[in-house]
Amino acid sequence: MNSAQQKKVDVLKYNQKLADSLGADQYGMKSYVIVMLTTGTAKIDDKEKKANLMKGHMENIGKLAKEGKVIIAGPFSEKNQRDYRGMFIFNTKSKEEAESWVKLIPP
């Protein structure tokens, strides 16, 4: 094995301390919960009310991100067959915990 190959092997070695610090399992794998967002049934024509709801929505996403609860959040730029509007990736392996965080986000 040449030195470049050895360096690559060294980089790929399992790091128990890192795995533990990230909440990974015995294989070094970390679980997340993905939430797909769809359009709700509420129809809001008032532009000011819509803007205030979006402001609250964005503030809550920012709060969850600062707390380390949201890893990725954002809208989809194109329409799709299932009418998904966006997604969250939550830093938890518990569906119930993710659901409790989603309930903090205004409709």
N, C-alpha and C. Protein backbone atom coordinates (compact mmCIF):
# COMPACT_ATOMS: atom_id res chain seq x y z
N MET A 1 0.87 -1.17 0.00
CA MET A 1 0.00 0.00 0.00
C MET A 1 0.92 1.23 0.00
N ASN A 2 0.64 2.18 -0.91
CA ASN A 2 1.46 3.40 -0.93
C ASN A 2 0.97 4.39 0.12
N SER A 3 1.69 5.47 0.31
CA SER A 3 1.35 6.42 1.39
C SER A 3 0.01 7.11 1.17
N ALA A 4 -0.36 7.38 -0.07
CA ALA A 4 -1.66 8.00 -0.36
C ALA A 4 -2.80 7.07 0.03
N GLN A 5 -2.65 5.78 -0.27
CA GLN A 5 -3.66 4.81 0.09
C GLN A 5 -3.75 4.65 1.61
N GLN A 6 -2.62 4.68 2.29
CA GLN A 6 -2.60 4.57 3.74
C GLN A 6 -3.29 5.75 4.39
N LYS A 7 -3.07 6.96 3.85
CA LYS A 7 -3.72 8.17 4.39
C LYS A 7 -5.23 8.05 4.26
N LYS A 8 -5.69 7.52 3.13
CA LYS A 8 -7.13 7.35 2.93
C LYS A 8 -7.69 6.36 3.95
N VAL A 9 -7.01 5.28 4.20
CA VAL A 9 -7.45 4.30 5.19
C VAL A 9 -7.48 4.94 6.57
N ASP A 10 -6.46 5.72 6.90
CA ASP A 10 -6.41 6.40 8.20
C ASP A 10 -7.60 7.33 8.38
N VAL A 11 -7.99 8.03 7.34
CA VAL A 11 -9.12 8.95 7.42
C VAL A 11 -10.41 8.20 7.64
N LEU A 12 -10.54 7.01 7.10
CA LEU A 12 -11.78 6.23 7.17
C LEU A 12 -11.92 5.41 8.45
N LYS A 13 -10.94 5.43 9.33
CA LYS A 13 -11.03 4.66 10.56
C LYS A 13 -12.18 5.14 11.42
N TYR A 14 -12.83 4.21 12.06
CA TYR A 14 -13.97 4.51 12.94
C TYR A 14 -13.50 5.32 14.14
N ASN A 15 -14.23 6.38 14.45
CA ASN A 15 -13.88 7.27 15.56
C ASN A 15 -15.01 7.19 16.60
N GLN A 16 -14.83 6.36 17.62
CA GLN A 16 -15.87 6.15 18.63
C GLN A 16 -16.23 7.44 19.35
N LYS A 17 -15.23 8.25 19.67
CA LYS A 17 -15.48 9.50 20.39
C LYS A 17 -16.36 10.43 19.55
N LEU A 18 -16.05 10.54 18.26
CA LEU A 18 -16.88 11.37 17.36
C LEU A 18 -18.28 10.80 17.25
N ALA A 19 -18.40 9.49 17.08
CA ALA A 19 -19.72 8.85 16.97
C ALA A 19 -20.55 9.12 18.21
N ASP A 20 -19.94 8.98 19.38
CA ASP A 20 -20.65 9.23 20.63
C ASP A 20 -21.09 10.69 20.74
N SER A 21 -20.22 11.60 20.34
CA SER A 21 -20.54 13.03 20.46
C SER A 21 -21.69 13.43 19.54
N LEU A 22 -21.87 12.68 18.45
CA LEU A 22 -22.95 12.98 17.49
C LEU A 22 -24.22 12.18 17.75
N GLY A 23 -24.17 11.30 18.74
CA GLY A 23 -25.33 10.46 19.04
C GLY A 23 -25.50 9.33 18.06
N ALA A 24 -24.42 8.88 17.46
CA ALA A 24 -24.48 7.79 16.48
C ALA A 24 -24.57 6.44 17.18
N ASP A 25 -24.97 5.43 16.41
CA ASP A 25 -25.06 4.08 16.96
C ASP A 25 -23.71 3.39 16.94
N GLN A 26 -23.69 2.08 17.25
CA GLN A 26 -22.43 1.34 17.34
C GLN A 26 -21.73 1.21 15.99
N TYR A 27 -22.42 1.52 14.90
CA TYR A 27 -21.81 1.48 13.57
C TYR A 27 -21.39 2.87 13.09
N GLY A 28 -21.64 3.88 13.92
CA GLY A 28 -21.31 5.25 13.53
C GLY A 28 -22.40 5.91 12.70
N MET A 29 -23.58 5.30 12.67
CA MET A 29 -24.69 5.85 11.89
C MET A 29 -25.58 6.71 12.77
N LYS A 30 -25.98 7.86 12.27
CA LYS A 30 -26.83 8.81 12.99
C LYS A 30 -28.21 8.79 12.36
N SER A 31 -29.25 8.77 13.16
CA SER A 31 -30.62 8.78 12.66
C SER A 31 -31.18 10.19 12.66
N TYR A 32 -32.02 10.46 11.69
CA TYR A 32 -32.72 11.74 11.57
C TYR A 32 -34.18 11.44 11.22
N VAL A 33 -35.04 12.43 11.39
CA VAL A 33 -36.43 12.32 10.97
C VAL A 33 -36.65 13.35 9.87
N ILE A 34 -37.19 12.89 8.75
CA ILE A 34 -37.50 13.79 7.63
C ILE A 34 -39.00 14.05 7.63
N VAL A 35 -39.36 15.32 7.51
CA VAL A 35 -40.76 15.74 7.44
C VAL A 35 -40.98 16.42 6.10
N MET A 36 -41.94 15.91 5.35
CA MET A 36 -42.29 16.51 4.06
C MET A 36 -43.47 17.45 4.28
N LEU A 37 -43.35 18.66 3.79
CA LEU A 37 -44.39 19.67 3.97
C LEU A 37 -45.31 19.70 2.76
N THR A 38 -46.62 19.77 3.03
CA THR A 38 -47.61 19.91 1.98
C THR A 38 -48.44 21.16 2.26
N THR A 39 -49.17 21.59 1.27
CA THR A 39 -50.04 22.74 1.44
C THR A 39 -51.25 22.32 2.26
N GLY A 40 -51.58 23.12 3.27
CA GLY A 40 -52.74 22.84 4.10
C GLY A 40 -54.04 23.23 3.42
N THR A 41 -55.13 23.07 4.13
CA THR A 41 -56.45 23.35 3.56
C THR A 41 -56.88 24.79 3.77
N ALA A 42 -56.21 25.51 4.66
CA ALA A 42 -56.60 26.91 4.94
C ALA A 42 -56.31 27.79 3.73
N LYS A 43 -57.25 28.64 3.41
CA LYS A 43 -57.08 29.62 2.33
C LYS A 43 -57.04 31.00 2.96
N ILE A 44 -55.91 31.67 2.86
CA ILE A 44 -55.76 33.00 3.46
C ILE A 44 -55.50 34.00 2.34
N ASP A 45 -56.47 34.89 2.13
CA ASP A 45 -56.35 35.89 1.08
C ASP A 45 -55.72 37.18 1.58
N ASP A 46 -55.77 37.42 2.88
CA ASP A 46 -55.21 38.64 3.47
C ASP A 46 -53.69 38.60 3.38
N LYS A 47 -53.12 39.47 2.54
CA LYS A 47 -51.67 39.46 2.31
C LYS A 47 -50.88 39.79 3.57
N GLU A 48 -51.38 40.68 4.38
CA GLU A 48 -50.68 41.04 5.62
C GLU A 48 -50.67 39.86 6.60
N LYS A 49 -51.79 39.19 6.71
CA LYS A 49 -51.86 38.02 7.59
C LYS A 49 -50.92 36.92 7.10
N LYS A 50 -50.90 36.69 5.76
CA LYS A 50 -50.00 35.70 5.18
C LYS A 50 -48.54 36.05 5.48
N ALA A 51 -48.21 37.32 5.34
CA ALA A 51 -46.83 37.77 5.59
C ALA A 51 -46.46 37.56 7.05
N ASN A 52 -47.38 37.85 7.97
CA ASN A 52 -47.11 37.65 9.39
C ASN A 52 -46.94 36.16 9.74
N LEU A 53 -47.75 35.32 9.14
CA LEU A 53 -47.62 33.88 9.36
C LEU A 53 -46.27 33.38 8.84
N MET A 54 -45.88 33.85 7.66
CA MET A 54 -44.59 33.43 7.10
C MET A 54 -43.44 33.93 7.97
N LYS A 55 -43.57 35.14 8.48
CA LYS A 55 -42.53 35.68 9.37
C LYS A 55 -42.39 34.81 10.62
N GLY A 56 -43.51 34.45 11.24
CA GLY A 56 -43.50 33.57 12.41
C GLY A 56 -42.94 32.20 12.08
N HIS A 57 -43.30 31.68 10.93
CA HIS A 57 -42.81 30.38 10.45
C HIS A 57 -41.28 30.41 10.34
N MET A 58 -40.76 31.45 9.70
CA MET A 58 -39.32 31.57 9.51
C MET A 58 -38.59 31.79 10.84
N GLU A 59 -39.18 32.56 11.74
CA GLU A 59 -38.57 32.77 13.06
C GLU A 59 -38.48 31.45 13.83
N ASN A 60 -39.53 30.65 13.77
CA ASN A 60 -39.52 29.35 14.47
C ASN A 60 -38.51 28.39 13.85
N ILE A 61 -38.40 28.39 12.53
CA ILE A 61 -37.39 27.54 11.89
C ILE A 61 -36.00 27.98 12.33
N GLY A 62 -35.76 29.30 12.37
CA GLY A 62 -34.48 29.81 12.83
C GLY A 62 -34.19 29.42 14.26
N LYS A 63 -35.20 29.49 15.12
CA LYS A 63 -35.04 29.10 16.54
C LYS A 63 -34.68 27.62 16.65
N LEU A 64 -35.40 26.77 15.92
CA LEU A 64 -35.12 25.33 15.95
C LEU A 64 -33.72 25.03 15.41
N ALA A 65 -33.30 25.77 14.40
CA ALA A 65 -31.96 25.58 13.84
C ALA A 65 -30.89 25.98 14.86
N LYS A 66 -31.10 27.11 15.52
CA LYS A 66 -30.13 27.56 16.54
C LYS A 66 -30.03 26.57 17.69
N GLU A 67 -31.14 25.90 18.01
CA GLU A 67 -31.16 24.90 19.07
C GLU A 67 -30.59 23.56 18.61
N GLY A 68 -30.24 23.46 17.32
CA GLY A 68 -29.69 22.21 16.79
C GLY A 68 -30.74 21.16 16.49
N LYS A 69 -32.00 21.55 16.45
CA LYS A 69 -33.09 20.60 16.21
C LYS A 69 -33.36 20.40 14.73
N VAL A 70 -33.15 21.45 13.93
CA VAL A 70 -33.35 21.37 12.49
C VAL A 70 -31.98 21.37 11.83
N ILE A 71 -31.73 20.37 11.01
CA ILE A 71 -30.47 20.28 10.27
C ILE A 71 -30.61 21.00 8.93
N ILE A 72 -31.71 20.73 8.23
CA ILE A 72 -32.00 21.36 6.94
C ILE A 72 -33.49 21.65 6.88
N ALA A 73 -33.84 22.80 6.33
CA ALA A 73 -35.24 23.14 6.11
C ALA A 73 -35.31 24.01 4.87
N GLY A 74 -36.34 23.80 4.09
CA GLY A 74 -36.49 24.67 2.94
C GLY A 74 -37.58 24.22 1.99
N PRO A 75 -37.95 25.14 1.10
CA PRO A 75 -38.99 24.84 0.11
C PRO A 75 -38.40 24.11 -1.10
N PHE A 76 -39.28 23.46 -1.84
CA PHE A 76 -38.90 22.88 -3.13
C PHE A 76 -39.17 23.93 -4.20
N SER A 77 -38.30 24.03 -5.16
CA SER A 77 -38.43 25.06 -6.18
C SER A 77 -39.37 24.68 -7.32
N GLU A 78 -39.68 23.39 -7.43
CA GLU A 78 -40.55 22.95 -8.51
C GLU A 78 -41.72 22.14 -7.98
N LYS A 79 -42.82 22.16 -8.72
CA LYS A 79 -43.96 21.32 -8.35
C LYS A 79 -43.59 19.86 -8.56
N ASN A 80 -44.28 18.99 -7.81
CA ASN A 80 -44.00 17.56 -7.91
C ASN A 80 -45.31 16.80 -7.81
N GLN A 81 -45.29 15.53 -8.12
CA GLN A 81 -46.50 14.71 -8.18
C GLN A 81 -47.23 14.60 -6.85
N ARG A 82 -46.54 14.71 -5.75
CA ARG A 82 -47.18 14.55 -4.44
C ARG A 82 -47.52 15.86 -3.77
N ASP A 83 -47.31 16.96 -4.45
CA ASP A 83 -47.59 18.31 -3.92
C ASP A 83 -46.79 18.62 -2.66
N TYR A 84 -45.58 18.07 -2.57
CA TYR A 84 -44.70 18.44 -1.47
C TYR A 84 -44.20 19.86 -1.72
N ARG A 85 -44.27 20.68 -0.68
CA ARG A 85 -43.85 22.08 -0.78
C ARG A 85 -42.44 22.30 -0.25
N GLY A 86 -42.02 21.47 0.70
CA GLY A 86 -40.70 21.62 1.29
C GLY A 86 -40.45 20.48 2.25
N MET A 87 -39.34 20.61 2.99
CA MET A 87 -39.00 19.55 3.93
C MET A 87 -38.18 20.08 5.09
N PHE A 88 -38.20 19.30 6.16
CA PHE A 88 -37.32 19.50 7.32
C PHE A 88 -36.54 18.21 7.50
N ILE A 89 -35.31 18.32 7.92
CA ILE A 89 -34.57 17.18 8.45
C ILE A 89 -34.28 17.53 9.89
N PHE A 90 -34.89 16.76 10.80
CA PHE A 90 -34.76 17.02 12.24
C PHE A 90 -33.66 16.15 12.85
N ASN A 91 -32.95 16.72 13.78
CA ASN A 91 -31.85 16.06 14.48
C ASN A 91 -32.40 15.23 15.65
N THR A 92 -33.15 14.20 15.30
CA THR A 92 -33.72 13.28 16.29
C THR A 92 -34.03 11.98 15.60
N LYS A 93 -34.05 10.90 16.36
CA LYS A 93 -34.50 9.63 15.80
C LYS A 93 -35.93 9.33 16.23
N SER A 94 -36.53 10.25 16.99
CA SER A 94 -37.86 10.06 17.53
C SER A 94 -38.91 10.82 16.70
N LYS A 95 -39.81 10.06 16.10
CA LYS A 95 -40.90 10.68 15.33
C LYS A 95 -41.75 11.58 16.24
N GLU A 96 -41.98 11.12 17.46
CA GLU A 96 -42.81 11.89 18.40
C GLU A 96 -42.14 13.23 18.75
N GLU A 97 -40.84 13.19 18.95
CA GLU A 97 -40.13 14.43 19.27
C GLU A 97 -40.19 15.39 18.08
N ALA A 98 -39.97 14.91 16.87
CA ALA A 98 -40.07 15.74 15.68
C ALA A 98 -41.47 16.34 15.55
N GLU A 99 -42.49 15.53 15.81
CA GLU A 99 -43.87 16.03 15.74
C GLU A 99 -44.10 17.15 16.75
N SER A 100 -43.53 17.03 17.93
CA SER A 100 -43.70 18.10 18.93
C SER A 100 -43.02 19.38 18.48
N TRP A 101 -41.91 19.27 17.76
CA TRP A 101 -41.22 20.46 17.26
C TRP A 101 -42.02 21.08 16.11
N VAL A 102 -42.63 20.24 15.27
CA VAL A 102 -43.43 20.76 14.14
C VAL A 102 -44.63 21.54 14.67
N LYS A 103 -45.19 21.10 15.78
CA LYS A 103 -46.35 21.79 16.35
C LYS A 103 -46.02 23.20 16.82
N LEU A 104 -44.73 23.49 17.00
CA LEU A 104 -44.31 24.84 17.42
C LEU A 104 -44.32 25.81 16.24
N ILE A 105 -44.36 25.28 15.02
CA ILE A 105 -44.31 26.11 13.83
C ILE A 105 -45.72 26.50 13.43
N PRO A 106 -45.99 27.81 13.28
CA PRO A 106 -47.36 28.23 12.96
C PRO A 106 -47.81 27.71 11.60
N PRO A 107 -49.12 27.50 11.47
CA PRO A 107 -49.66 26.99 10.19
C PRO A 107 -49.53 28.00 9.07
